[in-house]
Protein backbone atom coordinates (compact mmCIF):
# COMPACT_ATOMS: atom_id res chain seq x y z
CA MET A 1 0.00 0.00 0.00
CA ILE A 2 2.90 2.36 0.59
CA SER A 3 4.34 1.84 -2.89
CA PRO A 4 1.77 4.07 -4.69
CA TYR A 5 2.40 6.84 -2.17
CA MET A 6 6.13 6.66 -2.84
CA ALA A 7 5.48 6.69 -6.59
CA ILE A 8 3.33 9.80 -6.19
CA GLN A 9 6.06 11.46 -4.12
CA ASN A 10 8.70 10.60 -6.73
CA ALA A 11 6.47 11.97 -9.49
CA MET A 12 5.98 15.21 -7.53
CA MET A 13 9.72 15.55 -7.03
CA ALA A 14 10.35 14.95 -10.75
CA GLN A 15 7.65 17.49 -11.58
CA ASN A 16 9.27 20.08 -9.32
CA ALA A 17 12.68 19.38 -10.86
CA THR A 18 11.20 19.81 -14.34
CA THR A 19 9.62 23.12 -13.34
CA ALA A 20 12.92 24.33 -11.89
CA LYS A 21 14.73 23.28 -15.06
CA MET A 22 12.24 25.17 -17.23
CA MET A 23 12.55 28.29 -15.08
CA GLY A 24 16.34 28.11 -15.17
CA ALA A 25 16.36 27.69 -18.94
CA SER A 26 14.02 30.66 -19.32
CA ASP A 27 16.20 32.84 -17.11
CA ALA A 28 19.32 31.79 -19.01
CA MET A 29 17.69 32.42 -22.37
CA LEU A 30 16.43 35.85 -21.42
CA SER A 31 19.68 36.95 -19.81
CA THR A 32 22.12 35.80 -22.49
CA VAL A 33 20.36 36.40 -25.80
CA ALA A 34 19.71 39.82 -27.28
CA PHE A 35 16.34 39.67 -28.99
CA GLY A 36 14.99 41.66 -31.87
CA ASN A 37 12.17 44.15 -31.57
CA SER A 38 9.18 41.94 -32.32
CA GLN A 39 8.99 38.30 -31.33
CA PRO A 40 10.66 37.37 -28.05
CA LEU A 41 11.81 33.87 -29.07
CA ARG A 42 12.89 34.78 -32.60
CA PRO A 43 16.15 36.71 -32.47
CA SER A 44 17.05 38.52 -35.65
CA PHE A 45 20.63 37.34 -36.00
CA GLY A 46 22.28 34.02 -36.89
CA SER A 47 23.77 31.98 -34.07
CA THR A 48 21.05 32.63 -31.53
CA VAL A 49 18.33 31.29 -33.83
CA ALA A 50 19.68 27.79 -33.13
CA ALA A 51 19.79 28.55 -29.40
CA SER A 52 16.22 29.80 -29.55
CA ASP A 53 15.01 26.72 -31.42
CA THR A 54 16.82 24.46 -28.95
CA PHE A 55 15.22 26.33 -26.07
CA GLU A 56 11.74 25.98 -27.58
CA LEU A 57 12.16 22.27 -28.28
CA GLN A 58 13.54 21.58 -24.80
CA ASN A 59 10.76 23.61 -23.23
CA LYS A 60 8.13 21.63 -25.17
CA ALA A 61 9.76 18.35 -24.07
CA ASP A 62 9.73 19.52 -20.45
CA GLU A 63 6.07 20.51 -20.73
CA THR A 64 5.26 17.04 -22.06
CA ARG A 65 7.19 15.43 -19.20
CA TYR A 66 5.33 17.61 -16.68
CA THR A 67 1.95 16.63 -18.15
CA ALA A 68 2.84 12.93 -18.19
CA LEU A 69 3.90 13.07 -14.54
CA GLU A 70 0.66 14.86 -13.64
CA LYS A 71 -1.41 12.16 -15.36
CA LEU A 72 0.63 9.49 -13.56
CA MET A 73 -0.12 11.10 -10.20
CA VAL A 74 -3.84 11.33 -10.97
CA SER A 75 -4.01 7.68 -11.98
CA LEU A 76 -2.12 6.60 -8.85
CA GLU A 77 -4.46 8.65 -6.66
CA LYS A 78 -7.50 7.05 -8.34
CA GLY A 79 -5.99 3.62 -7.73
CA ILE A 80 -5.49 4.41 -4.06
CA ALA A 81 -9.07 5.69 -3.79
CA LYS A 82 -10.43 2.47 -5.34
CA SER A 83 -8.31 0.40 -2.98
CA ILE A 84 -9.66 2.29 0.02
CA LYS A 85 -13.22 1.95 -1.26
CA ARG A 86 -12.81 -1.82 -1.73
CA SER A 87 -11.28 -2.35 1.69
CA THR A 88 -13.71 -0.18 3.64
CA PRO A 89 -16.58 -2.20 5.12
CA LYS A 90 -20.16 -0.98 4.92
CA PHE A 91 -22.17 -1.30 8.10
CA GLY A 92 -25.96 -1.00 7.93
CA GLY A 93 -25.90 0.64 4.52
CA LEU A 94 -23.56 3.40 5.69
CA ASP A 95 -20.27 3.81 3.86
CA TYR A 96 -17.49 4.56 6.32
CA LYS A 97 -14.54 6.13 4.52
CA ALA A 98 -11.01 5.70 5.76
């Protein structure tokens, strides 16, 4: 029974690490790259276009990882809830929740 709780905790820690990584990448991108006048992630000169594209792709990958971890946590929580519901006896028609 403790295994799902540990999995949820590990997923939360991975989610927090992903968020911190995304924030750090955003700070680094904004502090090191001089952008053009219009679009913030489309610099107007050569070498930083590759850096910008790399940043966008990495950010999208991190967003996907965050979403997958969130769905994992939700499914684990639903599994725990079903386990509690199955193991909780019903006395006289009343449903006593743990």
